[in-house]
């Protein structure tokens, strides 16, 4: 009934990487931050990948033939269409929040985001209620346009960024998302021609199907690690100290899970089910006994990945000032601080423990540098 093949593992790895990074970003990102927006986007992307038929790769050929065309297969098709439309609504606002250039700024307003959501919902209804050839051609053409726009926007953001850290971050962003956007643009552009031309992938288009799946999965499999590298080395999306804590804990948890799995599964495979259970219990006892060395090892992993991050009182204060300045900069960029935004900023200031004098000084400095809003950040304490 089931089978495990390298191709199936390849697809599952893409989905797993998406959701793993989404989990970390959701854990370390602040509410409303770019990191949280990316976490939501990665979650949706994982579902979009999964519903392309990755689950189908784990079915034995004779069972897969019976499932094809079933209610479950139809549900998977509609689910994939739905997640494509959700990505269409989420990706441009994420680009607007992370790049903040003239090409992406139109999607930063609430009205534009609501409009995208309404358009995506209408597109989904149109696709599922019209003939397959017409509906899917429209969807694939829109998705191809989305990723082409994203590619141009990320490269443009890198080209106009100032030399230094900002340019390095923009370069990592363009490399990671640009690679994925090229892969997915190619997939959807070719798929548009295939569907519009009436090519049946199960017959004369079988070769197309393999390469479309390859580029679709490869785009995600490679760009997620590049994003992770950007976060670790360039503090992409302004993530560092909290990620360091999560990395340490996740390393420890991963070692625990790995040891339990290897010992218990190894005992089960080579001895018996009963011995495997005892092996698992023994592994747990060993892990508890060696908890302190594992904790130190996890700290070394986190320190090697992020050597310049230290949880000192001075650094904590510096990061709080950065967070407040970033929120204040965003509010000013929208054309002035409204009464509601002023109240929210006051709550943020209080929660971060920033004095009114320091907050006023930050605002005064940003206003005096009106032409460079968002470009400057306080220097780290020595």
Protein backbone atom coordinates (compact mmCIF):
# COMPACT_ATOMS: atom_id res chain seq x y z
CA UNK A 1 0.00 0.00 0.00
CA UNK A 2 2.80 2.42 0.89
CA UNK A 3 6.32 2.90 -0.41
CA UNK A 4 9.29 5.09 0.44
CA UNK A 5 11.34 6.34 -2.49
CA UNK A 6 14.08 9.00 -2.82
CA UNK A 7 11.66 11.14 -4.86
CA UNK A 8 9.04 10.98 -2.09
CA UNK A 9 11.64 11.84 0.58
CA UNK A 10 12.82 14.74 -1.60
CA UNK A 11 9.32 16.19 -1.66
CA UNK A 12 8.71 15.60 2.03
CA UNK A 13 12.01 17.32 2.88
CA UNK A 14 10.86 20.48 1.07
CA UNK A 15 7.65 20.60 3.09
CA UNK A 16 9.47 19.82 6.36
CA UNK A 17 12.00 22.62 5.82
CA UNK A 18 9.19 25.09 5.13
CA UNK A 19 7.31 24.25 8.29
CA UNK A 20 10.43 23.97 10.46
CA UNK A 21 11.57 27.50 9.59
CA UNK A 22 7.98 28.75 9.92
CA UNK A 23 7.85 27.34 13.45
CA UNK A 24 11.12 29.03 14.46
CA UNK A 25 10.10 32.38 12.95
CA UNK A 26 6.69 32.26 14.62
CA UNK A 27 8.38 31.55 17.93
CA UNK A 28 10.99 34.32 17.79
CA UNK A 29 9.12 36.97 15.81
CA UNK A 30 7.09 39.72 17.45
CA UNK A 31 3.36 40.03 16.63
CA UNK A 32 2.94 41.87 13.35
CA UNK A 33 6.65 41.60 12.49
CA UNK A 34 8.08 40.65 9.12
CA UNK A 35 9.25 37.36 10.67
CA UNK A 36 5.67 36.44 11.58
CA UNK A 37 4.50 37.35 8.06
CA UNK A 38 7.18 35.10 6.59
CA UNK A 39 6.19 32.31 8.99
CA UNK A 40 2.61 32.48 7.71
CA UNK A 41 3.82 32.55 4.10
CA UNK A 42 6.06 29.51 4.66
CA UNK A 43 3.21 27.61 6.31
CA UNK A 44 0.97 28.21 3.30
CA UNK A 45 3.82 27.35 0.94
CA UNK A 46 4.30 24.03 2.72
CA UNK A 47 0.64 23.16 2.22
CA UNK A 48 0.87 24.23 -1.43
CA UNK A 49 3.82 21.86 -1.89
CA UNK A 50 2.14 19.01 -0.04
CA UNK A 51 -1.04 19.21 -2.11
CA UNK A 52 0.82 19.02 -5.42
CA UNK A 53 0.84 15.25 -4.90
CA UNK A 54 3.77 14.65 -2.54
CA UNK A 55 1.53 12.41 -0.44
CA UNK A 56 0.79 10.52 -3.69
CA UNK A 57 4.50 9.59 -4.03
CA UNK A 58 4.28 7.45 -0.87
CA UNK A 59 1.56 5.21 -2.33
CA UNK A 60 2.40 1.93 -4.06
CA UNK A 61 1.63 2.05 -7.82
CA UNK A 62 -1.36 -0.30 -7.65
CA UNK A 63 -2.94 1.65 -4.79
CA UNK A 64 -2.11 5.01 -6.36
CA UNK A 65 -4.02 3.98 -9.49
CA UNK A 66 -7.14 3.41 -7.38
CA UNK A 67 -6.80 6.73 -5.54
CA UNK A 68 -6.32 8.75 -8.75
CA UNK A 69 -9.59 10.43 -9.65
CA UNK A 70 -11.14 9.69 -6.25
CA UNK A 71 -12.77 12.20 -3.91
CA UNK A 72 -9.51 12.53 -2.01
CA UNK A 73 -7.64 13.33 -5.21
CA UNK A 74 -10.23 15.98 -6.09
CA UNK A 75 -9.96 17.47 -2.61
CA UNK A 76 -6.17 17.65 -2.95
CA UNK A 77 -6.52 19.48 -6.27
CA UNK A 78 -8.92 22.06 -4.85
CA UNK A 79 -6.75 22.45 -1.73
CA UNK A 80 -3.72 23.22 -3.88
CA UNK A 81 -5.72 25.78 -5.83
CA UNK A 82 -6.82 27.36 -2.56
CA UNK A 83 -3.27 27.65 -1.18
CA UNK A 84 -2.05 29.10 -4.49
CA UNK A 85 -4.67 31.83 -4.14
CA UNK A 86 -3.69 32.44 -0.51
CA UNK A 87 -0.06 32.90 -1.57
CA UNK A 88 -1.26 35.40 -4.14
CA UNK A 89 -2.80 37.41 -1.29
CA UNK A 90 0.10 37.07 1.19
CA UNK A 91 3.28 37.40 -0.87
CA UNK A 92 3.01 41.06 -2.07
CA UNK A 93 2.28 42.43 1.47
CA UNK A 94 5.24 40.44 2.80
CA UNK A 95 7.48 41.93 0.11
CA UNK A 96 6.18 45.40 0.97
CA UNK A 97 6.97 44.92 4.67
CA UNK A 98 10.43 43.41 4.15
CA UNK A 99 11.79 45.40 1.18
CA UNK A 100 10.07 48.80 1.56
CA UNK A 101 10.89 50.08 -1.93
CA UNK A 102 8.81 52.02 -4.41
CA UNK A 103 8.01 48.80 -6.28
CA UNK A 104 6.51 47.13 -3.22
CA UNK A 105 5.16 50.14 -1.28
CA UNK A 106 1.71 50.08 -2.98
CA UNK A 107 0.98 46.78 -1.20
CA UNK A 108 1.82 48.14 2.26
CA UNK A 109 -1.56 49.83 2.78
CA UNK A 110 -4.50 48.14 4.45
CA UNK A 111 -6.73 48.86 1.48
CA UNK A 112 -4.37 47.16 -0.97
CA UNK A 113 -4.08 44.10 1.26
CA UNK A 114 -7.84 43.78 1.62
CA UNK A 115 -8.17 44.20 -2.13
CA UNK A 116 -5.66 41.40 -2.70
CA UNK A 117 -7.59 39.14 -0.35
CA UNK A 118 -10.88 39.82 -2.15
CA UNK A 119 -9.21 39.27 -5.53
CA UNK A 120 -7.66 35.96 -4.38
CA UNK A 121 -11.02 34.74 -3.06
CA UNK A 122 -12.72 35.70 -6.31
CA UNK A 123 -10.00 33.97 -8.30
CA UNK A 124 -10.45 30.75 -6.32
CA UNK A 125 -14.20 30.77 -6.95
CA UNK A 126 -13.63 31.48 -10.65
CA UNK A 127 -11.10 28.64 -11.01
CA UNK A 128 -13.26 25.97 -9.36
CA UNK A 129 -16.46 27.05 -11.12
CA UNK A 130 -15.17 27.36 -14.70
CA UNK A 131 -13.90 24.74 -17.17
CA UNK A 132 -10.51 23.33 -16.16
CA UNK A 133 -8.59 24.73 -19.11
CA UNK A 134 -9.84 28.29 -18.66
CA UNK A 135 -9.69 28.38 -14.86
CA UNK A 136 -6.26 26.82 -14.43
CA UNK A 137 -4.73 28.87 -17.24
CA UNK A 138 -5.91 32.02 -15.46
CA UNK A 139 -4.57 30.83 -12.08
CA UNK A 140 -1.19 29.71 -13.41
CA UNK A 141 -0.75 32.94 -15.38
CA UNK A 142 -1.46 34.97 -12.24
CA UNK A 143 0.99 32.90 -10.19
CA UNK A 144 3.70 33.24 -12.85
CA UNK A 145 3.17 37.02 -12.84
CA UNK A 146 3.37 37.06 -9.03
CA UNK A 147 6.77 35.36 -8.88
CA UNK A 148 8.14 37.41 -11.77
CA UNK A 149 7.12 40.57 -9.91
CA UNK A 150 8.71 39.26 -6.70
CA UNK A 151 11.96 38.50 -8.53
CA UNK A 152 12.14 41.99 -10.03
CA UNK A 153 11.28 43.58 -6.66
CA UNK A 154 13.98 41.71 -4.72
CA UNK A 155 16.69 42.43 -7.29
CA UNK A 156 15.63 46.10 -7.41
CA UNK A 157 15.78 46.32 -3.61
CA UNK A 158 19.34 45.01 -3.68
CA UNK A 159 20.34 47.40 -6.47
CA UNK A 160 19.09 50.52 -4.66
CA UNK A 161 20.23 49.54 -1.15
CA UNK A 162 23.05 51.45 0.52
CA UNK A 163 26.48 49.80 0.91
CA UNK A 164 27.05 47.98 4.16
CA UNK A 165 24.82 45.74 6.24
CA UNK A 166 21.67 46.83 4.42
CA UNK A 167 23.12 45.81 1.06
CA UNK A 168 24.34 42.48 2.44
CA UNK A 169 20.88 41.71 3.79
CA UNK A 170 19.26 42.74 0.52
CA UNK A 171 21.69 40.50 -1.34
CA UNK A 172 20.87 37.47 0.81
CA UNK A 173 17.16 38.20 0.41
CA UNK A 174 17.48 38.51 -3.37
CA UNK A 175 19.54 35.32 -3.58
CA UNK A 176 17.15 33.25 -1.49
CA UNK A 177 13.80 34.49 -2.73
CA UNK A 178 15.14 35.17 -6.21
CA UNK A 179 16.14 31.52 -6.64
CA UNK A 180 12.74 30.32 -5.45
CA UNK A 181 10.94 32.92 -7.58
CA UNK A 182 12.86 31.86 -10.70
CA UNK A 183 12.00 28.21 -10.10
CA UNK A 184 8.34 28.82 -9.36
CA UNK A 185 7.93 31.39 -12.14
CA UNK A 186 9.33 28.83 -14.58
CA UNK A 187 6.99 26.14 -13.27
CA UNK A 188 3.85 28.25 -13.47
CA UNK A 189 4.78 29.81 -16.82
CA UNK A 190 5.33 26.40 -18.41
CA UNK A 191 2.20 25.05 -16.73
CA UNK A 192 0.21 27.93 -18.22
CA UNK A 193 1.30 26.90 -21.71
CA UNK A 194 0.68 23.23 -21.01
CA UNK A 195 -2.85 23.74 -19.74
CA UNK A 196 -3.78 26.26 -22.41
CA UNK A 197 -2.36 23.97 -25.08
CA UNK A 198 -4.37 21.03 -23.78
CA UNK A 199 -1.34 18.79 -23.16
CA UNK A 200 -2.19 15.79 -20.97
CA UNK A 201 0.69 15.31 -18.55
CA UNK A 202 -0.03 11.62 -18.03
CA UNK A 203 0.64 10.98 -21.72
CA UNK A 204 2.68 13.19 -24.06
CA UNK A 205 3.55 15.62 -21.24
CA UNK A 206 5.00 13.09 -18.81
CA UNK A 207 8.47 14.59 -19.20
CA UNK A 208 7.09 18.04 -18.42
CA UNK A 209 5.48 16.74 -15.23
CA UNK A 210 8.77 15.41 -13.83
CA UNK A 211 10.72 18.62 -14.43
CA UNK A 212 7.88 20.81 -13.15
CA UNK A 213 7.82 18.83 -9.91
CA UNK A 214 11.62 18.93 -9.69
CA UNK A 215 11.87 22.73 -9.99
CA UNK A 216 8.85 23.24 -7.75
CA UNK A 217 10.38 21.24 -4.91
CA UNK A 218 13.97 22.31 -5.53
CA UNK A 219 13.08 25.99 -5.30
CA UNK A 220 11.86 25.57 -1.73
CA UNK A 221 14.45 22.99 -0.69
CA UNK A 222 17.31 25.40 -1.42
CA UNK A 223 15.91 28.82 -0.60
CA UNK A 224 14.83 27.96 2.95
CA UNK A 225 18.42 27.17 4.07
CA UNK A 226 19.62 30.41 2.45
CA UNK A 227 17.03 32.36 4.46
CA UNK A 228 18.20 30.57 7.61
CA UNK A 229 21.79 31.51 6.77
CA UNK A 230 20.74 35.13 6.26
CA UNK A 231 19.05 35.20 9.65
CA UNK A 232 22.05 33.68 11.40
CA UNK A 233 24.80 35.68 9.72
CA UNK A 234 23.23 39.02 8.74
CA UNK A 235 20.36 39.17 11.28
CA UNK A 236 17.89 39.21 8.39
CA UNK A 237 14.48 40.48 9.58
CA UNK A 238 16.29 41.79 12.71
CA UNK A 239 16.34 38.38 14.37
CA UNK A 240 19.30 37.55 16.58
CA UNK A 241 19.14 37.33 20.38
CA UNK A 242 15.80 35.52 20.67
CA UNK A 243 16.76 33.21 17.79
CA UNK A 244 19.96 32.35 19.62
CA UNK A 245 17.90 31.13 22.60
CA UNK A 246 15.59 29.13 20.34
CA UNK A 247 18.53 27.63 18.45
CA UNK A 248 20.09 26.44 21.68
CA UNK A 249 16.85 24.84 22.89
CA UNK A 250 16.04 23.34 19.49
CA UNK A 251 19.50 21.79 19.21
CA UNK A 252 19.04 20.13 22.57
CA UNK A 253 15.55 18.92 21.69
CA UNK A 254 16.77 17.61 18.33
CA UNK A 255 19.52 15.61 19.99
CA UNK A 256 17.06 14.12 22.46
CA UNK A 257 14.65 13.10 19.72
CA UNK A 258 17.44 11.74 17.53
CA UNK A 259 18.93 9.59 20.29
CA UNK A 260 15.55 8.25 21.36
CA UNK A 261 14.67 7.40 17.78
CA UNK A 262 17.96 5.72 16.89
CA UNK A 263 18.17 3.62 20.06
CA UNK A 264 14.53 2.56 20.24
CA UNK A 265 14.17 1.94 16.50
CA UNK A 266 17.52 0.16 16.34
CA UNK A 267 16.57 -2.16 19.19
CA UNK A 268 13.21 -2.80 17.59
CA UNK A 269 14.78 -3.65 14.26
CA UNK A 270 17.57 -5.92 15.47
CA UNK A 271 15.99 -7.56 18.51
CA UNK A 272 12.25 -7.39 19.24
CA UNK A 273 9.45 -4.97 19.94
CA UNK A 274 9.79 -5.48 23.68
CA UNK A 275 13.50 -4.91 23.62
CA UNK A 276 12.94 -1.82 21.51
CA UNK A 277 10.69 -0.32 24.19
CA UNK A 278 13.30 -1.00 26.85
CA UNK A 279 15.90 0.46 24.56
CA UNK A 280 13.87 3.64 24.29
CA UNK A 281 13.57 3.90 28.07
CA UNK A 282 17.29 3.31 28.45
CA UNK A 283 18.01 6.02 25.90
CA UNK A 284 15.83 8.47 27.84
CA UNK A 285 17.76 7.68 31.02
CA UNK A 286 21.07 8.18 29.21
CA UNK A 287 19.86 11.52 27.80
CA UNK A 288 18.85 12.74 31.27
CA UNK A 289 22.24 11.65 32.66
CA UNK A 290 24.10 13.55 29.95
CA UNK A 291 21.75 16.57 29.94
CA UNK A 292 24.39 19.05 31.09
CA UNK A 293 26.95 18.14 28.37
CA UNK A 294 24.20 18.34 25.75
CA UNK A 295 23.22 21.78 27.03
CA UNK A 296 26.82 22.99 26.73
CA UNK A 297 27.07 21.55 23.23
CA UNK A 298 23.86 23.33 22.22
CA UNK A 299 25.30 26.59 23.53
CA UNK A 300 28.45 26.06 21.44
CA UNK A 301 26.33 25.47 18.31
CA UNK A 302 24.41 28.69 18.93
CA UNK A 303 27.62 30.60 19.68
CA UNK A 304 29.35 29.38 16.52
CA UNK A 305 26.38 30.37 14.35
CA UNK A 306 26.00 33.79 15.98
CA UNK A 307 29.35 34.75 17.55
CA UNK A 308 28.54 38.43 18.10
CA UNK A 309 25.32 38.00 20.07
CA UNK A 310 25.58 38.18 23.87
CA UNK A 311 22.73 38.26 26.36
CA UNK A 312 24.13 41.16 28.39
CA UNK A 313 22.05 43.97 29.94
CA UNK A 314 23.65 46.49 27.56
CA UNK A 315 22.80 44.42 24.51
CA UNK A 316 19.23 43.87 25.71
CA UNK A 317 18.73 47.62 26.11
CA UNK A 318 20.19 48.22 22.65
CA UNK A 319 17.81 45.71 21.06
CA UNK A 320 14.81 47.23 22.86
CA UNK A 321 15.73 50.63 21.46
CA UNK A 322 16.02 49.09 18.00
CA UNK A 323 12.58 47.51 18.27
CA UNK A 324 10.97 50.78 19.37
CA UNK A 325 12.79 52.77 16.69
CA UNK A 326 11.66 50.32 14.00
CA UNK A 327 8.01 50.62 15.08
CA UNK A 328 8.27 54.42 15.27
CA UNK A 329 9.93 54.55 11.86
CA UNK A 330 7.12 52.52 10.29
CA UNK A 331 4.51 54.82 11.83
CA UNK A 332 6.27 57.94 10.55
CA UNK A 333 6.67 56.45 7.10
CA UNK A 334 2.90 56.24 6.70
CA UNK A 335 2.64 60.04 6.76
CA UNK A 336 2.54 60.91 10.43
CA UNK A 337 1.55 59.28 13.69
CA UNK A 338 -2.19 59.06 14.29
CA UNK A 339 -3.76 59.19 17.74
CA UNK A 340 -4.32 55.41 17.68
CA UNK A 341 -0.72 54.75 16.65
CA UNK A 342 0.49 57.10 19.40
CA UNK A 343 -1.38 55.04 21.99
CA UNK A 344 0.04 51.79 20.58
CA UNK A 345 3.55 53.23 20.61
CA UNK A 346 3.04 54.25 24.21
CA UNK A 347 2.08 50.71 25.15
CA UNK A 348 5.10 49.36 23.27
CA UNK A 349 7.38 51.85 25.02
CA UNK A 350 6.05 50.83 28.42
CA UNK A 351 6.34 47.11 27.68
CA UNK A 352 9.97 47.56 26.58
CA UNK A 353 10.81 49.69 29.61
CA UNK A 354 11.95 52.70 27.57
CA UNK A 355 11.74 56.09 29.29
CA UNK A 356 9.70 58.92 27.80
CA UNK A 357 12.88 60.97 27.41
CA UNK A 358 14.61 58.24 25.38
CA UNK A 359 11.50 57.72 23.25
CA UNK A 360 11.25 61.46 22.57
CA UNK A 361 14.94 61.57 21.63
CA UNK A 362 14.51 58.69 19.17
CA UNK A 363 11.49 60.37 17.58
CA UNK A 364 13.26 63.71 17.35
CA UNK A 365 16.25 62.05 15.68
CA UNK A 366 14.03 60.26 13.14
CA UNK A 367 12.12 63.42 12.30
CA UNK A 368 15.36 65.35 11.83
CA UNK A 369 16.48 62.68 9.39
CA UNK A 370 13.20 62.67 7.51
CA UNK A 371 14.88 61.82 4.25
CA UNK A 372 16.51 58.75 5.79
CA UNK A 373 13.64 57.31 7.84
CA UNK A 374 14.28 53.65 8.52
CA UNK A 375 17.86 53.79 7.21
CA UNK A 376 19.55 54.55 10.51
CA UNK A 377 19.83 52.34 13.56
CA UNK A 378 21.55 52.92 16.90
CA UNK A 379 25.03 51.46 17.03
CA UNK A 380 25.53 48.40 19.25
CA UNK A 381 27.08 49.10 22.63
CA UNK A 382 30.76 48.26 22.90
